[in-house]
Amino acid sequence: MVNADGSETDELRAKTWLANAYGPRNLAKVAIEQNKTLVHYSSDYVWDGREKIHKDDEVVAPLRWFYGESMAAGGDGG
């Protein structure tokens, strides 16, 4: 789900979470089962723009709460 504006609406929240959080989680499970590497690129929406360089263990600070949270959840397994 790449519609950041639309994902903030009640109508698209469930679809947004399914696509951005559960989708990557399910792909990761399959990769683990098949002993494969999964590379997951997320969105810059998980960051608020204050810093230019980020670390893997850094706490996220989404620009748009729901969309950013859904993208961040996909990065940590949903």
N, C-alpha and C. Protein backbone atom coordinates (compact mmCIF):
# COMPACT_ATOMS: atom_id res chain seq x y z
N MET A 1 0.86 -1.17 0.00
CA MET A 1 0.00 0.00 0.00
C MET A 1 0.90 1.22 0.00
N VAL A 2 0.84 1.99 -1.03
CA VAL A 2 1.70 3.15 -1.13
C VAL A 2 0.94 4.47 -1.07
N ASN A 3 -0.33 4.41 -0.76
CA ASN A 3 -1.16 5.61 -0.67
C ASN A 3 -1.12 6.15 0.75
N ALA A 4 -0.13 6.96 1.04
CA ALA A 4 0.05 7.46 2.40
C ALA A 4 -1.14 8.27 2.87
N ASP A 5 -1.67 9.12 2.02
CA ASP A 5 -2.83 9.92 2.42
C ASP A 5 -4.05 9.03 2.66
N GLY A 6 -4.32 8.14 1.72
CA GLY A 6 -5.49 7.28 1.82
C GLY A 6 -5.42 6.31 2.98
N SER A 7 -4.23 5.88 3.32
CA SER A 7 -4.08 4.90 4.40
C SER A 7 -4.47 5.46 5.76
N GLU A 8 -4.51 6.76 5.85
CA GLU A 8 -4.92 7.40 7.11
C GLU A 8 -6.43 7.40 7.29
N THR A 9 -7.18 7.00 6.28
CA THR A 9 -8.64 6.98 6.36
C THR A 9 -9.11 5.64 6.91
N ASP A 10 -10.26 5.65 7.55
CA ASP A 10 -10.82 4.42 8.12
C ASP A 10 -11.02 3.36 7.05
N GLU A 11 -11.37 3.76 5.83
CA GLU A 11 -11.66 2.81 4.76
C GLU A 11 -10.45 1.99 4.34
N LEU A 12 -9.26 2.55 4.46
CA LEU A 12 -8.06 1.85 3.97
C LEU A 12 -7.12 1.34 5.06
N ARG A 13 -7.44 1.59 6.30
CA ARG A 13 -6.52 1.18 7.37
C ARG A 13 -6.26 -0.33 7.38
N ALA A 14 -7.29 -1.13 7.27
CA ALA A 14 -7.10 -2.58 7.30
C ALA A 14 -6.25 -3.05 6.13
N LYS A 15 -6.54 -2.54 4.93
CA LYS A 15 -5.75 -2.92 3.76
C LYS A 15 -4.30 -2.47 3.89
N THR A 16 -4.12 -1.30 4.45
CA THR A 16 -2.77 -0.77 4.65
C THR A 16 -1.97 -1.69 5.57
N TRP A 17 -2.58 -2.09 6.69
CA TRP A 17 -1.87 -2.94 7.65
C TRP A 17 -1.58 -4.31 7.04
N LEU A 18 -2.54 -4.86 6.31
CA LEU A 18 -2.32 -6.16 5.67
C LEU A 18 -1.14 -6.10 4.70
N ALA A 19 -1.10 -5.07 3.88
CA ALA A 19 -0.05 -4.96 2.86
C ALA A 19 1.30 -4.60 3.44
N ASN A 20 1.33 -3.64 4.34
CA ASN A 20 2.61 -3.10 4.79
C ASN A 20 3.20 -3.80 6.01
N ALA A 21 2.37 -4.41 6.84
CA ALA A 21 2.88 -5.08 8.04
C ALA A 21 2.85 -6.60 7.87
N TYR A 22 1.68 -7.15 7.57
CA TYR A 22 1.57 -8.61 7.46
C TYR A 22 2.22 -9.16 6.20
N GLY A 23 2.19 -8.41 5.11
CA GLY A 23 2.81 -8.88 3.87
C GLY A 23 4.29 -9.20 4.06
N PRO A 24 5.08 -8.25 4.53
CA PRO A 24 6.50 -8.54 4.75
C PRO A 24 6.73 -9.62 5.81
N ARG A 25 5.87 -9.68 6.83
CA ARG A 25 6.01 -10.73 7.84
C ARG A 25 5.84 -12.10 7.20
N ASN A 26 4.85 -12.25 6.35
CA ASN A 26 4.61 -13.53 5.69
C ASN A 26 5.74 -13.89 4.74
N LEU A 27 6.26 -12.90 4.03
CA LEU A 27 7.41 -13.16 3.16
C LEU A 27 8.62 -13.60 3.96
N ALA A 28 8.83 -12.99 5.12
CA ALA A 28 9.95 -13.36 5.97
C ALA A 28 9.81 -14.80 6.48
N LYS A 29 8.59 -15.19 6.82
CA LYS A 29 8.37 -16.58 7.28
C LYS A 29 8.73 -17.57 6.18
N VAL A 30 8.31 -17.30 4.96
CA VAL A 30 8.62 -18.19 3.84
C VAL A 30 10.13 -18.22 3.60
N ALA A 31 10.77 -17.07 3.65
CA ALA A 31 12.23 -17.01 3.45
C ALA A 31 12.95 -17.85 4.49
N ILE A 32 12.52 -17.77 5.73
CA ILE A 32 13.14 -18.56 6.79
C ILE A 32 12.93 -20.04 6.54
N GLU A 33 11.70 -20.43 6.19
CA GLU A 33 11.40 -21.84 5.92
C GLU A 33 12.25 -22.39 4.78
N GLN A 34 12.54 -21.56 3.79
CA GLN A 34 13.29 -22.01 2.62
C GLN A 34 14.77 -21.63 2.69
N ASN A 35 15.20 -21.18 3.86
CA ASN A 35 16.59 -20.80 4.06
C ASN A 35 17.06 -19.79 3.01
N LYS A 36 16.25 -18.78 2.79
CA LYS A 36 16.55 -17.72 1.83
C LYS A 36 16.74 -16.40 2.56
N THR A 37 17.36 -15.47 1.90
CA THR A 37 17.53 -14.12 2.43
C THR A 37 16.46 -13.21 1.85
N LEU A 38 15.82 -12.46 2.71
CA LEU A 38 14.83 -11.49 2.27
C LEU A 38 15.37 -10.09 2.54
N VAL A 39 15.40 -9.27 1.51
CA VAL A 39 15.79 -7.87 1.66
C VAL A 39 14.52 -7.06 1.53
N HIS A 40 14.20 -6.31 2.57
CA HIS A 40 12.95 -5.54 2.59
C HIS A 40 13.28 -4.06 2.64
N TYR A 41 12.91 -3.36 1.59
CA TYR A 41 13.06 -1.91 1.56
C TYR A 41 11.74 -1.31 2.01
N SER A 42 11.82 -0.40 2.91
CA SER A 42 10.62 0.21 3.45
C SER A 42 10.48 1.62 2.92
N SER A 43 9.97 2.48 3.73
CA SER A 43 9.64 3.83 3.32
C SER A 43 10.31 4.85 4.23
N ASP A 44 10.60 5.99 3.68
CA ASP A 44 11.14 7.05 4.52
C ASP A 44 10.06 7.63 5.44
N TYR A 45 8.82 7.19 5.29
CA TYR A 45 7.75 7.67 6.17
C TYR A 45 7.90 7.17 7.60
N VAL A 46 8.79 6.23 7.85
CA VAL A 46 9.00 5.79 9.23
C VAL A 46 9.87 6.78 10.00
N TRP A 47 10.41 7.77 9.29
CA TRP A 47 11.24 8.78 9.92
C TRP A 47 10.59 10.15 9.80
N ASP A 48 10.87 11.01 10.73
CA ASP A 48 10.26 12.34 10.74
C ASP A 48 11.09 13.39 10.00
N GLY A 49 12.24 13.02 9.48
CA GLY A 49 13.05 13.94 8.70
C GLY A 49 14.07 14.74 9.48
N ARG A 50 14.12 14.55 10.78
CA ARG A 50 15.07 15.32 11.59
C ARG A 50 16.52 14.87 11.40
N GLU A 51 16.71 13.59 11.16
CA GLU A 51 18.05 13.03 10.98
C GLU A 51 18.20 12.54 9.55
N LYS A 52 19.43 12.60 9.03
CA LYS A 52 19.67 12.13 7.67
C LYS A 52 20.18 10.70 7.63
N ILE A 53 20.81 10.25 8.69
CA ILE A 53 21.37 8.89 8.76
C ILE A 53 20.68 8.16 9.91
N HIS A 54 20.29 6.93 9.66
CA HIS A 54 19.57 6.14 10.67
C HIS A 54 20.26 4.81 10.91
N LYS A 55 20.00 4.24 12.08
CA LYS A 55 20.55 2.94 12.46
C LYS A 55 19.41 1.93 12.54
N ASP A 56 19.74 0.66 12.35
CA ASP A 56 18.73 -0.40 12.37
C ASP A 56 17.96 -0.46 13.68
N ASP A 57 18.59 -0.16 14.79
CA ASP A 57 17.93 -0.28 16.09
C ASP A 57 17.30 1.03 16.57
N GLU A 58 17.27 2.02 15.71
CA GLU A 58 16.72 3.32 16.07
C GLU A 58 15.19 3.24 16.20
N VAL A 59 14.65 3.97 17.14
CA VAL A 59 13.20 4.04 17.32
C VAL A 59 12.62 4.87 16.18
N VAL A 60 11.55 4.37 15.56
CA VAL A 60 10.95 5.10 14.45
C VAL A 60 10.16 6.30 14.95
N ALA A 61 9.96 7.25 14.05
CA ALA A 61 9.19 8.46 14.35
C ALA A 61 8.42 8.82 13.08
N PRO A 62 7.30 8.12 12.82
CA PRO A 62 6.58 8.29 11.55
C PRO A 62 6.06 9.71 11.31
N LEU A 63 6.11 10.12 10.05
CA LEU A 63 5.53 11.39 9.64
C LEU A 63 4.00 11.32 9.71
N ARG A 64 3.47 10.31 9.12
CA ARG A 64 2.03 10.08 9.14
C ARG A 64 1.84 8.85 10.00
N TRP A 65 1.13 9.01 11.08
CA TRP A 65 1.12 7.98 12.10
C TRP A 65 0.78 6.60 11.57
N PHE A 66 -0.38 6.39 11.01
CA PHE A 66 -0.79 5.03 10.65
C PHE A 66 0.06 4.46 9.53
N TYR A 67 0.25 5.21 8.48
CA TYR A 67 1.05 4.73 7.36
C TYR A 67 2.47 4.40 7.81
N GLY A 68 3.10 5.32 8.50
CA GLY A 68 4.46 5.09 8.99
C GLY A 68 4.55 3.91 9.93
N GLU A 69 3.58 3.78 10.83
CA GLU A 69 3.56 2.63 11.75
C GLU A 69 3.41 1.33 11.00
N SER A 70 2.58 1.29 9.96
CA SER A 70 2.39 0.06 9.20
C SER A 70 3.68 -0.32 8.48
N MET A 71 4.39 0.67 7.95
CA MET A 71 5.65 0.39 7.28
C MET A 71 6.71 -0.09 8.29
N ALA A 72 6.74 0.53 9.44
CA ALA A 72 7.70 0.12 10.47
C ALA A 72 7.40 -1.29 10.97
N ALA A 73 6.13 -1.62 11.12
CA ALA A 73 5.76 -2.96 11.57
C ALA A 73 6.18 -4.02 10.57
N GLY A 74 6.15 -3.68 9.30
CA GLY A 74 6.61 -4.62 8.28
C GLY A 74 8.09 -4.88 8.38
N GLY A 75 8.83 -3.93 8.90
CA GLY A 75 10.27 -4.10 9.06
C GLY A 75 10.64 -4.92 10.28
N ASP A 76 9.73 -5.03 11.24
CA ASP A 76 10.05 -5.82 12.44
C ASP A 76 9.18 -7.06 12.57
N GLY A 77 8.52 -7.43 11.48
CA GLY A 77 7.76 -8.67 11.50
C GLY A 77 6.27 -8.50 11.64
N GLY A 78 5.77 -7.27 11.64
CA GLY A 78 4.33 -7.06 11.64
C GLY A 78 3.72 -7.19 12.98
